[in-house]
């Protein structure tokens, strides 16, 4: 039935499974170990459709979710640095459907009904949501370098009110949950002027329950408020998210203005640049971590499938053989929370592994418990062996693949490396200041540093560490930082500082106080002139020695 494993080329491990890559291993384990358990206990009817070959081979996907006019479509254009087919941008709700932006040599749009029958695309199971959804789902294809590494899913702008939820014609939250299980990153976009989280947006965020590690938050259009307002907006956003995302960890929020327009408020330019670089690094690492993400998702799926099997088999066991089936069914559904607790104690299951009890109660109404299968221990044991032994071998394969293959990163578009030019992040700032000038940048303020130097009673033109310590500690920097500055400034490693070394130490202190990081080694352009090697003199000296 499954022809995923290449029997001619694959190597055989000690368990007898044949696979050369982590992706092949995941496919093989799912087909042989987990899929039989899912099919036996109707897992696909209750939770998630069966995985297909395209689910394992698809590129990493980024899902964008947010209320209307938060800049989701503009964010995609910002990353790609070009328009994509089917794109519409405006202050009003313009995107009324899902758009999968993917790579293809030929630019064009593929409608949803044609998309879900393509075995090479990971969207076949979306067919279950019907024409109401498929009519609002398209694939935008284009030859863009960014899309060679990742795919991006644009979603409809979320509005408030019951009318919008009803008028969609399909279960919006269930579609988001389907995507949330399969994507590598979920980005929630917020507008700095529009922080309210509507009921439908709250419901959409809750659809990502169990996918908290994939969620990132972007506070877009942050340049439209000043620093004081931005601080209050950030606090209000964190407070609102805390009420919806019930996790003890704080969600990572990136501040910025993700469009190619001039900043309205440039006071926080440095902050926006740093946040943008952090977000880009997070997205760029998705291809490198794709196999690990798929492995993690398979483990979560296996744990849920085990719990589901215990629930179904328990309901089967409690059903009477002849009379009173309907009454017993209603009783079991009503006492499902207590059943969860019983199974939790009996099988040592974590409470977080159980499905949502209310949703499970609603789904169970449509089934005949007497037709449920009883507990098949061998299926459970097979999944347990997969989790305990075979997953660890795949973890080792992931490390081996990372060592053998070149580092995979998203390139092109806004990710194009600009570090070599003057507009790269941090260029000409902090420790890099003065790198492209002929004079020693410390000399610009050396006259001020000299005044302090000569008050420290130098002997033979140098101050001791004891005398310099008090002055350096006036910066209130921690001793660990001052110790690092001392090592960088003491170029000749004699335990004392001359006037140039002392000026360098003061320059490094100022850099640290301005919020920049210190280097592991002193850059050449910061080495004091009197401590620099003279290449010509070295050549003459070596020639005389010869």
Protein backbone atom coordinates (compact mmCIF):
# COMPACT_ATOMS: atom_id res chain seq x y z
CA UNK A 1 0.00 0.00 0.00
CA UNK A 2 2.80 2.43 0.90
CA UNK A 3 5.69 2.73 -1.55
CA UNK A 4 7.65 5.32 0.35
CA UNK A 5 10.70 3.23 1.21
CA UNK A 6 13.27 2.73 -1.52
CA UNK A 7 14.21 -0.94 -1.17
CA UNK A 8 16.90 -0.83 -3.85
CA UNK A 9 18.99 2.00 -2.43
CA UNK A 10 18.02 2.15 1.24
CA UNK A 11 20.24 0.83 4.00
CA UNK A 12 18.87 -1.50 6.68
CA UNK A 13 19.21 -0.57 10.35
CA UNK A 14 19.31 -3.04 13.22
CA UNK A 15 15.51 -3.01 13.60
CA UNK A 16 15.12 -4.04 9.98
CA UNK A 17 13.71 -0.71 8.80
CA UNK A 18 15.10 0.67 5.54
CA UNK A 19 15.71 4.38 5.17
CA UNK A 20 18.58 6.67 4.28
CA UNK A 21 17.23 10.03 5.43
CA UNK A 22 15.22 11.30 8.38
CA UNK A 23 12.27 12.04 6.10
CA UNK A 24 12.22 8.46 4.82
CA UNK A 25 12.49 7.22 8.39
CA UNK A 26 9.53 9.29 9.52
CA UNK A 27 7.44 8.02 6.60
CA UNK A 28 8.34 4.42 7.35
CA UNK A 29 7.64 4.67 11.09
CA UNK A 30 4.34 6.42 10.52
CA UNK A 31 3.14 3.86 7.97
CA UNK A 32 4.23 0.78 9.94
CA UNK A 33 3.77 1.81 13.58
CA UNK A 34 1.41 4.74 14.02
CA UNK A 35 -1.02 4.52 11.11
CA UNK A 36 -2.43 1.10 12.12
CA UNK A 37 -3.25 2.48 15.58
CA UNK A 38 -4.92 5.56 14.07
CA UNK A 39 -7.04 3.55 11.65
CA UNK A 40 -8.13 1.04 14.30
CA UNK A 41 -9.44 3.66 16.73
CA UNK A 42 -10.93 6.17 14.22
CA UNK A 43 -8.30 8.77 15.03
CA UNK A 44 -8.78 10.46 11.65
CA UNK A 45 -12.49 11.03 12.29
CA UNK A 46 -11.91 12.63 15.68
CA UNK A 47 -8.66 14.55 15.35
CA UNK A 48 -6.58 14.83 12.18
CA UNK A 49 -6.57 13.20 8.72
CA UNK A 50 -3.92 10.64 7.86
CA UNK A 51 -0.54 11.98 6.79
CA UNK A 52 0.51 11.54 3.17
CA UNK A 53 3.84 11.48 1.38
CA UNK A 54 3.60 15.20 0.51
CA UNK A 55 3.25 16.04 4.23
CA UNK A 56 6.73 14.67 4.83
CA UNK A 57 8.41 16.11 1.72
CA UNK A 58 6.84 19.57 1.70
CA UNK A 59 8.97 22.65 2.28
CA UNK A 60 8.69 24.46 5.61
CA UNK A 61 5.53 26.58 5.73
CA UNK A 62 4.86 29.88 7.51
CA UNK A 63 1.24 30.67 8.43
CA UNK A 64 0.22 34.32 8.83
CA UNK A 65 -2.84 35.06 10.99
CA UNK A 66 -4.26 38.40 12.06
CA UNK A 67 -7.17 40.77 11.98
CA UNK A 68 -7.86 42.76 8.84
CA UNK A 69 -5.46 45.55 7.88
CA UNK A 70 -2.65 44.35 10.14
CA UNK A 71 -0.37 43.97 7.12
CA UNK A 72 -0.32 40.20 6.48
CA UNK A 73 -0.24 40.47 2.68
CA UNK A 74 2.14 43.43 2.84
CA UNK A 75 4.39 41.37 5.12
CA UNK A 76 4.60 38.64 2.45
CA UNK A 77 5.42 41.20 -0.21
CA UNK A 78 8.08 42.66 2.11
CA UNK A 79 9.75 39.24 2.40
CA UNK A 80 9.52 38.44 -1.32
CA UNK A 81 10.27 41.99 -2.48
CA UNK A 82 7.79 41.60 -5.33
CA UNK A 83 4.07 41.22 -5.91
CA UNK A 84 2.59 37.74 -6.09
CA UNK A 85 -0.41 36.56 -8.17
CA UNK A 86 -3.74 37.06 -6.41
CA UNK A 87 -2.34 39.73 -4.08
CA UNK A 88 -4.67 42.49 -2.91
CA UNK A 89 -3.67 45.16 -0.40
CA UNK A 90 -5.84 47.84 1.18
CA UNK A 91 -7.07 49.28 4.48
CA UNK A 92 -10.37 47.42 4.08
CA UNK A 93 -10.70 43.60 4.44
CA UNK A 94 -9.16 42.61 1.08
CA UNK A 95 -8.07 38.98 1.55
CA UNK A 96 -11.26 36.91 1.87
CA UNK A 97 -9.60 33.52 1.43
CA UNK A 98 -6.49 31.45 2.00
CA UNK A 99 -3.55 31.96 -0.36
CA UNK A 100 -0.65 29.47 -0.41
CA UNK A 101 2.33 31.33 -1.89
CA UNK A 102 4.68 28.67 -3.29
CA UNK A 103 7.57 28.29 -5.72
CA UNK A 104 7.09 27.42 -9.37
CA UNK A 105 8.99 28.29 -12.52
CA UNK A 106 5.74 29.44 -14.13
CA UNK A 107 3.86 32.28 -12.48
CA UNK A 108 0.13 31.76 -12.01
CA UNK A 109 -2.78 30.84 -9.75
CA UNK A 110 -4.12 27.34 -9.05
CA UNK A 111 -7.71 27.20 -7.69
CA UNK A 112 -8.48 25.22 -4.55
CA UNK A 113 -10.42 22.37 -6.16
CA UNK A 114 -7.50 21.62 -8.48
CA UNK A 115 -5.00 22.08 -5.68
CA UNK A 116 -6.44 19.41 -3.37
CA UNK A 117 -6.14 16.69 -6.03
CA UNK A 118 -2.44 17.35 -6.64
CA UNK A 119 -0.50 14.55 -4.87
CA UNK A 120 2.67 16.66 -4.85
CA UNK A 121 1.05 19.35 -2.69
CA UNK A 122 0.37 18.81 1.03
CA UNK A 123 -3.24 20.03 0.78
CA UNK A 124 -5.19 16.93 -0.30
CA UNK A 125 -6.92 16.46 3.05
CA UNK A 126 -8.39 20.00 2.87
CA UNK A 127 -10.94 18.48 0.54
CA UNK A 128 -12.94 17.54 3.66
CA UNK A 129 -13.88 21.20 4.26
CA UNK A 130 -15.99 21.30 1.09
CA UNK A 131 -16.54 23.75 -1.73
CA UNK A 132 -17.31 26.66 0.60
CA UNK A 133 -13.66 26.57 1.66
CA UNK A 134 -12.08 25.41 -1.60
CA UNK A 135 -13.68 28.30 -3.48
CA UNK A 136 -11.74 30.60 -1.16
CA UNK A 137 -8.45 28.76 -1.37
CA UNK A 138 -5.84 29.33 -4.08
CA UNK A 139 -2.16 28.63 -4.64
CA UNK A 140 -0.12 31.57 -5.88
CA UNK A 141 2.93 30.26 -7.73
CA UNK A 142 5.95 32.30 -8.79
CA UNK A 143 9.71 31.94 -9.37
CA UNK A 144 11.08 33.67 -6.26
CA UNK A 145 14.27 32.67 -4.45
CA UNK A 146 12.67 32.94 -1.00
CA UNK A 147 10.01 30.41 -2.02
CA UNK A 148 12.67 27.87 -2.98
CA UNK A 149 13.16 27.30 0.75
CA UNK A 150 9.79 28.06 2.36
CA UNK A 151 6.11 28.43 1.48
CA UNK A 152 3.88 31.13 2.99
CA UNK A 153 0.17 30.81 3.79
CA UNK A 154 -1.87 34.04 3.84
CA UNK A 155 -5.19 33.88 5.69
CA UNK A 156 -8.37 35.99 5.60
CA UNK A 157 -8.42 39.08 7.76
CA UNK A 158 -10.31 38.31 10.97
CA UNK A 159 -13.20 40.60 11.84
CA UNK A 160 -15.36 40.87 14.94
CA UNK A 161 -18.99 39.87 15.21
CA UNK A 162 -21.05 36.72 14.85
CA UNK A 163 -22.09 37.66 11.30
CA UNK A 164 -18.58 37.25 9.92
CA UNK A 165 -18.19 33.83 11.49
CA UNK A 166 -21.45 32.54 10.05
CA UNK A 167 -21.00 34.04 6.59
CA UNK A 168 -17.74 32.17 5.91
CA UNK A 169 -19.62 28.96 5.16
CA UNK A 170 -16.89 26.71 6.60
CA UNK A 171 -15.29 26.07 9.98
CA UNK A 172 -12.59 28.72 10.00
CA UNK A 173 -11.02 27.59 13.28
CA UNK A 174 -10.81 23.98 12.11
CA UNK A 175 -9.04 25.04 8.93
CA UNK A 176 -6.54 27.03 11.02
CA UNK A 177 -6.05 24.04 13.31
CA UNK A 178 -5.36 21.84 10.25
CA UNK A 179 -2.71 24.27 9.02
CA UNK A 180 -1.32 24.77 12.53
CA UNK A 181 -0.51 21.07 12.82
CA UNK A 182 1.44 21.07 9.55
CA UNK A 183 3.23 24.41 9.34
CA UNK A 184 6.64 25.16 10.85
CA UNK A 185 5.91 28.67 12.07
CA UNK A 186 2.71 30.52 13.03
CA UNK A 187 3.02 34.31 12.97
CA UNK A 188 0.27 36.36 14.64
CA UNK A 189 0.27 39.91 13.32
CA UNK A 190 -1.03 42.88 15.29
CA UNK A 191 -1.40 46.53 14.36
CA UNK A 192 0.05 49.04 16.84
CA UNK A 193 -3.23 51.00 16.53
CA UNK A 194 -5.52 47.95 16.70
CA UNK A 195 -4.72 45.68 19.65
CA UNK A 196 -8.21 44.43 20.42
CA UNK A 197 -8.53 40.65 20.09
CA UNK A 198 -12.00 39.86 18.77
CA UNK A 199 -13.94 36.74 19.71
CA UNK A 200 -13.13 35.07 16.39
CA UNK A 201 -9.45 35.97 16.72
CA UNK A 202 -9.41 34.48 20.24
CA UNK A 203 -11.04 31.35 18.87
CA UNK A 204 -8.49 31.23 16.06
CA UNK A 205 -5.58 31.49 18.50
CA UNK A 206 -7.07 28.73 20.66
CA UNK A 207 -7.19 26.54 17.55
CA UNK A 208 -3.39 26.41 17.81
CA UNK A 209 -3.54 24.68 21.19
CA UNK A 210 -0.60 22.32 21.46
CA UNK A 211 1.40 24.26 18.83
CA UNK A 212 2.68 26.94 21.21
CA UNK A 213 6.31 26.32 20.25
CA UNK A 214 5.53 27.40 16.67
CA UNK A 215 3.85 30.71 17.55
CA UNK A 216 5.58 34.07 17.11
CA UNK A 217 3.95 37.49 17.40
CA UNK A 218 4.71 40.53 15.24
CA UNK A 219 3.63 44.00 16.37
CA UNK A 220 3.50 45.65 12.95
CA UNK A 221 3.39 49.37 12.07
CA UNK A 222 5.28 50.15 15.28
CA UNK A 223 6.83 53.23 13.67
CA UNK A 224 3.45 55.00 13.77
CA UNK A 225 3.69 55.58 17.53
CA UNK A 226 6.39 57.29 19.58
CA UNK A 227 8.58 55.55 22.15
CA UNK A 228 6.32 56.19 25.14
CA UNK A 229 3.22 55.02 23.30
CA UNK A 230 5.08 51.98 21.96
CA UNK A 231 5.97 50.95 25.50
CA UNK A 232 2.30 51.12 26.51
CA UNK A 233 1.15 49.34 23.35
CA UNK A 234 3.63 46.52 23.98
CA UNK A 235 2.42 46.12 27.55
CA UNK A 236 -1.23 46.09 26.46
CA UNK A 237 -0.47 43.48 23.80
CA UNK A 238 1.27 41.18 26.27
CA UNK A 239 -1.65 41.53 28.68
CA UNK A 240 -4.17 40.66 25.95
CA UNK A 241 -2.14 37.69 24.74
CA UNK A 242 -1.81 36.38 28.29
CA UNK A 243 -5.59 36.05 28.49
CA UNK A 244 -5.78 34.03 25.26
CA UNK A 245 -2.56 32.00 25.15
CA UNK A 246 -2.54 30.05 28.40
CA UNK A 247 1.16 29.27 28.69
CA UNK A 248 3.57 30.23 31.49
CA UNK A 249 6.20 31.26 28.92
CA UNK A 250 6.04 34.73 27.43
CA UNK A 251 5.36 34.65 23.68
CA UNK A 252 8.17 36.16 21.59
CA UNK A 253 7.00 39.49 20.20
CA UNK A 254 8.88 41.22 17.37
CA UNK A 255 8.49 44.98 16.97
CA UNK A 256 8.84 46.64 13.60
CA UNK A 257 7.35 48.11 10.49
CA UNK A 258 7.40 45.47 7.81
CA UNK A 259 6.91 47.40 4.61
CA UNK A 260 9.18 49.33 2.24
CA UNK A 261 8.00 52.80 3.25
CA UNK A 262 9.83 55.56 5.19
CA UNK A 263 9.57 55.28 8.96
CA UNK A 264 7.10 57.79 10.35
CA UNK A 265 8.91 57.80 13.69
CA UNK A 266 12.62 57.04 13.35
CA UNK A 267 13.49 57.27 17.06
CA UNK A 268 13.38 53.50 17.40
CA UNK A 269 15.14 52.68 14.14
CA UNK A 270 17.90 50.72 15.88
CA UNK A 271 15.32 48.70 17.82
CA UNK A 272 13.32 47.93 14.67
CA UNK A 273 16.46 46.82 12.82
CA UNK A 274 17.50 44.50 15.64
CA UNK A 275 13.98 43.02 15.89
CA UNK A 276 13.81 42.52 12.13
CA UNK A 277 17.13 40.68 12.13
CA UNK A 278 15.95 38.44 14.98
CA UNK A 279 12.75 37.59 13.09
CA UNK A 280 14.66 36.94 9.88
CA UNK A 281 17.07 34.61 11.68
CA UNK A 282 14.10 32.72 13.11
CA UNK A 283 12.54 32.26 9.65
CA UNK A 284 15.86 31.54 7.95
CA UNK A 285 16.48 28.62 10.29
CA UNK A 286 13.25 26.84 9.34
CA UNK A 287 14.72 24.72 6.50
CA UNK A 288 17.56 23.59 8.75
CA UNK A 289 15.13 22.56 11.50
CA UNK A 290 12.42 21.13 9.22
CA UNK A 291 13.27 17.48 9.90
CA UNK A 292 13.38 18.08 13.64
CA UNK A 293 10.00 19.82 13.50
CA UNK A 294 8.42 16.92 11.61
CA UNK A 295 9.90 14.51 14.13
CA UNK A 296 8.49 16.57 17.00
CA UNK A 297 5.05 16.72 15.38
CA UNK A 298 5.07 12.95 14.82
CA UNK A 299 5.84 12.40 18.51
CA UNK A 300 2.98 14.69 19.55
CA UNK A 301 0.65 12.89 17.13
CA UNK A 302 1.69 9.49 18.50
CA UNK A 303 1.04 10.54 22.09
CA UNK A 304 -2.42 11.84 21.17
CA UNK A 305 -3.20 8.67 19.20
CA UNK A 306 -2.29 6.52 22.21
CA UNK A 307 -4.55 8.54 24.52
CA UNK A 308 -7.36 8.40 21.96
CA UNK A 309 -7.03 4.61 21.78
CA UNK A 310 -7.33 4.35 25.56
CA UNK A 311 -10.45 6.55 25.56
CA UNK A 312 -12.20 4.63 22.76
CA UNK A 313 -11.37 1.22 24.21
CA UNK A 314 -12.53 2.30 27.69
CA UNK A 315 -15.88 3.46 26.32
CA UNK A 316 -16.22 0.13 24.52
CA UNK A 317 -15.45 -1.80 27.72
CA UNK A 318 -18.08 0.10 29.75
CA UNK A 319 -20.93 -0.49 27.29
CA UNK A 320 -23.56 -3.13 28.21
CA UNK A 321 -23.85 -6.11 25.90
CA UNK A 322 -27.64 -6.02 25.40
CA UNK A 323 -29.92 -3.38 26.94
CA UNK A 324 -29.54 0.24 28.04
CA UNK A 325 -26.91 1.21 25.49
CA UNK A 326 -28.23 4.73 24.80
CA UNK A 327 -28.57 5.55 28.48
CA UNK A 328 -25.08 4.25 29.20
CA UNK A 329 -23.71 6.23 26.28
CA UNK A 330 -25.18 9.48 27.64
CA UNK A 331 -23.81 8.65 31.08
CA UNK A 332 -20.31 8.00 29.75
CA UNK A 333 -20.27 11.21 27.73
CA UNK A 334 -21.41 13.22 30.74
CA UNK A 335 -18.69 11.67 32.90
CA UNK A 336 -15.91 11.99 30.31
CA UNK A 337 -13.82 14.32 32.57
CA UNK A 338 -13.85 11.63 35.27
CA UNK A 339 -12.91 9.02 32.65
CA UNK A 340 -9.93 11.19 31.73
CA UNK A 341 -8.78 11.12 35.35
CA UNK A 342 -9.19 7.34 35.57
CA UNK A 343 -7.11 6.79 32.42
CA UNK A 344 -4.57 9.32 33.61
CA UNK A 345 -3.95 7.34 36.82
CA UNK A 346 -4.19 3.91 35.21
CA UNK A 347 -1.80 4.52 32.30
CA UNK A 348 0.35 7.32 33.85
CA UNK A 349 -0.64 9.86 31.19
CA UNK A 350 0.01 13.57 31.50
CA UNK A 351 -3.18 15.71 31.65
CA UNK A 352 -1.86 17.82 28.78
CA UNK A 353 -1.93 14.83 26.41
CA UNK A 354 -5.73 14.50 26.52
CA UNK A 355 -7.90 16.08 23.79
CA UNK A 356 -10.32 18.90 24.59
CA UNK A 357 -13.07 17.33 26.69
CA UNK A 358 -15.92 19.52 25.42
CA UNK A 359 -15.08 18.92 21.78
CA UNK A 360 -14.66 15.20 22.44
CA UNK A 361 -18.09 15.06 24.09
CA UNK A 362 -19.68 16.71 21.03
CA UNK A 363 -18.00 14.29 18.62
CA UNK A 364 -18.89 11.18 20.61
CA UNK A 365 -22.61 11.95 20.28
CA UNK A 366 -22.52 10.66 16.69
CA UNK A 367 -20.98 7.22 17.36
CA UNK A 368 -22.19 3.82 18.56
CA UNK A 369 -19.88 2.92 21.43
CA UNK A 370 -20.68 -0.78 21.13
CA UNK A 371 -18.99 -0.82 17.70
CA UNK A 372 -15.79 0.68 19.04
CA UNK A 373 -12.77 -1.69 19.08
CA UNK A 374 -11.44 -3.05 22.35
CA UNK A 375 -7.90 -2.33 23.52
CA UNK A 376 -5.25 -3.97 21.33
CA UNK A 377 -2.13 -4.03 23.45
CA UNK A 378 0.20 -4.95 20.58
CA UNK A 379 -0.65 -1.74 18.69
CA UNK A 380 0.06 0.34 21.79
CA UNK A 381 3.32 -1.51 22.45
CA UNK A 382 4.41 -0.98 18.84
CA UNK A 383 3.97 2.79 19.20
CA UNK A 384 5.76 2.72 22.56
CA UNK A 385 8.75 0.97 21.00
CA UNK A 386 8.77 3.54 18.22
CA UNK A 387 8.88 6.38 20.76
CA UNK A 388 11.44 4.76 23.05
CA UNK A 389 13.97 3.35 20.58
CA UNK A 390 13.45 4.23 16.92
CA UNK A 391 12.88 7.94 17.44
CA UNK A 392 16.27 8.20 19.14
CA UNK A 393 17.98 6.69 16.08
CA UNK A 394 16.31 9.32 13.91
CA UNK A 395 17.60 12.02 16.27
CA UNK A 396 21.13 10.77 15.61
CA UNK A 397 20.43 10.81 11.87
CA UNK A 398 19.33 14.45 12.12
CA UNK A 399 22.69 15.39 13.62
CA UNK A 400 24.53 13.42 10.95
CA UNK A 401 22.56 15.08 8.16
CA UNK A 402 23.29 18.52 9.61
CA UNK A 403 27.02 17.75 9.67
CA UNK A 404 27.10 16.34 6.13
CA UNK A 405 24.87 18.85 4.37
CA UNK A 406 25.65 22.56 3.97
CA UNK A 407 23.69 24.88 6.19
CA UNK A 408 20.25 25.41 4.68
CA UNK A 409 18.92 28.94 5.00
CA UNK A 410 16.23 31.05 3.37
CA UNK A 411 17.89 33.36 0.86
CA UNK A 412 16.75 36.07 -1.54
CA UNK A 413 14.20 38.84 -1.17
CA UNK A 414 14.42 40.68 2.15
CA UNK A 415 16.72 37.91 3.44
CA UNK A 416 19.48 38.87 1.00
CA UNK A 417 22.66 39.36 2.99
CA UNK A 418 23.54 43.05 3.20
CA UNK A 419 26.19 42.76 5.92
CA UNK A 420 28.98 43.67 3.51
CA UNK A 421 27.49 47.06 2.68
CA UNK A 422 27.16 50.19 4.81
CA UNK A 423 23.47 49.47 5.51
CA UNK A 424 24.03 46.10 7.15
CA UNK A 425 22.75 45.74 10.70
CA UNK A 426 25.20 47.32 13.15
CA UNK A 427 27.51 48.69 10.47
CA UNK A 428 29.48 51.68 11.78
CA UNK A 429 27.98 51.33 15.27
CA UNK A 430 29.34 50.09 18.56
CA UNK A 431 32.50 48.06 18.15
CA UNK A 432 32.36 48.52 14.35
CA UNK A 433 32.55 52.32 14.54
CA UNK A 434 35.73 53.61 12.93
CA UNK A 435 36.43 50.42 10.98
CA UNK A 436 36.47 52.27 7.65
CA UNK A 437 38.41 55.37 8.76
CA UNK A 438 42.17 55.94 8.61
CA UNK A 439 42.52 57.57 12.03
CA UNK A 440 42.13 55.76 15.34
CA UNK A 441 38.55 56.49 16.41
CA UNK A 442 39.50 56.54 20.10
CA UNK A 443 41.76 59.55 19.45
CA UNK A 444 38.69 61.75 18.91
CA UNK A 445 37.96 61.71 22.65
CA UNK A 446 41.45 60.89 23.91
CA UNK A 447 42.03 64.39 25.26
CA UNK A 448 39.20 63.85 27.74
CA UNK A 449 40.46 60.40 28.68
CA UNK A 450 43.99 61.81 29.18
CA UNK A 451 42.72 64.25 31.81
CA UNK A 452 41.40 61.31 33.82
CA UNK A 453 44.53 59.25 33.13
CA UNK A 454 46.93 61.78 34.66
CA UNK A 455 44.84 62.04 37.83
CA UNK A 456 45.50 58.34 38.49
CA UNK A 457 49.22 58.94 39.21
CA UNK A 458 50.85 57.04 36.35
CA UNK A 459 54.37 55.70 36.91
CA UNK A 460 56.66 55.58 33.90
CA UNK A 461 53.66 56.49 31.73
CA UNK A 462 51.40 53.66 33.00
CA UNK A 463 48.69 53.25 35.63
CA UNK A 464 48.38 50.10 37.67
CA UNK A 465 45.27 47.95 37.80
CA UNK A 466 44.56 49.11 41.38
CA UNK A 467 44.51 52.76 40.35
CA UNK A 468 42.50 52.13 37.18
CA UNK A 469 39.96 49.89 38.92
CA UNK A 470 38.24 52.63 40.92
CA UNK A 471 37.78 54.82 37.85
CA UNK A 472 36.49 51.94 35.71
CA UNK A 473 34.06 50.85 38.43
CA UNK A 474 32.48 54.32 38.38
CA UNK A 475 30.72 53.13 35.19
CA UNK A 476 28.71 50.71 37.43
CA UNK A 477 29.25 47.89 34.96
CA UNK A 478 29.54 44.39 36.48
CA UNK A 479 33.01 43.14 37.35
CA UNK A 480 32.71 40.39 34.73
CA UNK A 481 32.23 43.02 32.01
CA UNK A 482 34.98 45.28 33.34
CA UNK A 483 37.31 42.28 33.50
CA UNK A 484 36.66 41.56 29.83
CA UNK A 485 37.27 45.23 28.96
CA UNK A 486 40.56 45.13 30.87
CA UNK A 487 41.75 42.07 28.92
CA UNK A 488 40.86 43.76 25.61
CA UNK A 489 42.51 47.05 26.54
CA UNK A 490 45.72 45.61 28.05
CA UNK A 491 47.25 44.96 24.65
CA UNK A 492 50.76 44.06 25.88
CA UNK A 493 49.40 41.98 28.77
CA UNK A 494 51.70 43.62 31.36
CA UNK A 495 48.94 44.25 33.93
CA UNK A 496 49.10 48.03 33.46
CA UNK A 497 47.63 50.56 31.04
CA UNK A 498 49.43 53.33 29.20
CA UNK A 499 47.54 56.41 28.03
CA UNK A 500 46.38 54.78 24.76
CA UNK A 501 45.31 51.55 26.47
CA UNK A 502 43.44 53.53 29.12
CA UNK A 503 41.68 55.57 26.43
CA UNK A 504 40.73 52.31 24.70
CA UNK A 505 39.29 50.96 27.97
CA UNK A 506 37.16 54.09 28.37
CA UNK A 507 36.01 53.77 24.75
CA UNK A 508 34.96 50.14 25.32
CA UNK A 509 33.10 51.13 28.50
CA UNK A 510 31.15 53.75 26.56
CA UNK A 511 30.30 51.19 23.87
CA UNK A 512 28.93 48.81 26.49
CA UNK A 513 26.96 51.58 28.23
CA UNK A 514 25.32 52.44 24.90
CA UNK A 515 23.94 48.89 24.72
CA UNK A 516 26.36 47.28 22.26
CA UNK A 517 28.13 43.97 22.77
CA UNK A 518 31.85 43.55 23.27
CA UNK A 519 33.93 41.40 20.89
CA UNK A 520 35.77 38.23 21.88
CA UNK A 521 38.96 39.71 20.42
CA UNK A 522 39.95 43.31 19.83
CA UNK A 523 39.38 44.34 16.16
CA UNK A 524 42.42 45.63 14.29
CA UNK A 525 40.98 49.13 13.88
CA UNK A 526 40.77 49.57 17.68
CA UNK A 527 44.35 48.47 18.45
CA UNK A 528 46.23 51.54 19.76
CA UNK A 529 48.72 52.90 17.20
CA UNK A 530 51.74 52.35 19.45
CA UNK A 531 50.81 48.69 19.88
CA UNK A 532 50.32 47.90 16.22
CA UNK A 533 52.88 45.77 14.45
CA UNK A 534 54.91 47.39 11.70
CA UNK A 535 54.91 44.96 8.76
CA UNK A 536 57.87 46.73 7.12
CA UNK A 537 59.96 46.58 10.28
CA UNK A 538 59.13 42.90 10.73
CA UNK A 539 60.26 42.12 7.21
CA UNK A 540 63.57 43.99 7.71
CA UNK A 541 64.12 42.29 11.06
CA UNK A 542 63.50 38.82 9.66
CA UNK A 543 65.82 39.58 6.70
CA UNK A 544 68.63 40.64 9.05
CA UNK A 545 68.14 37.46 11.10
CA UNK A 546 68.50 35.36 7.96
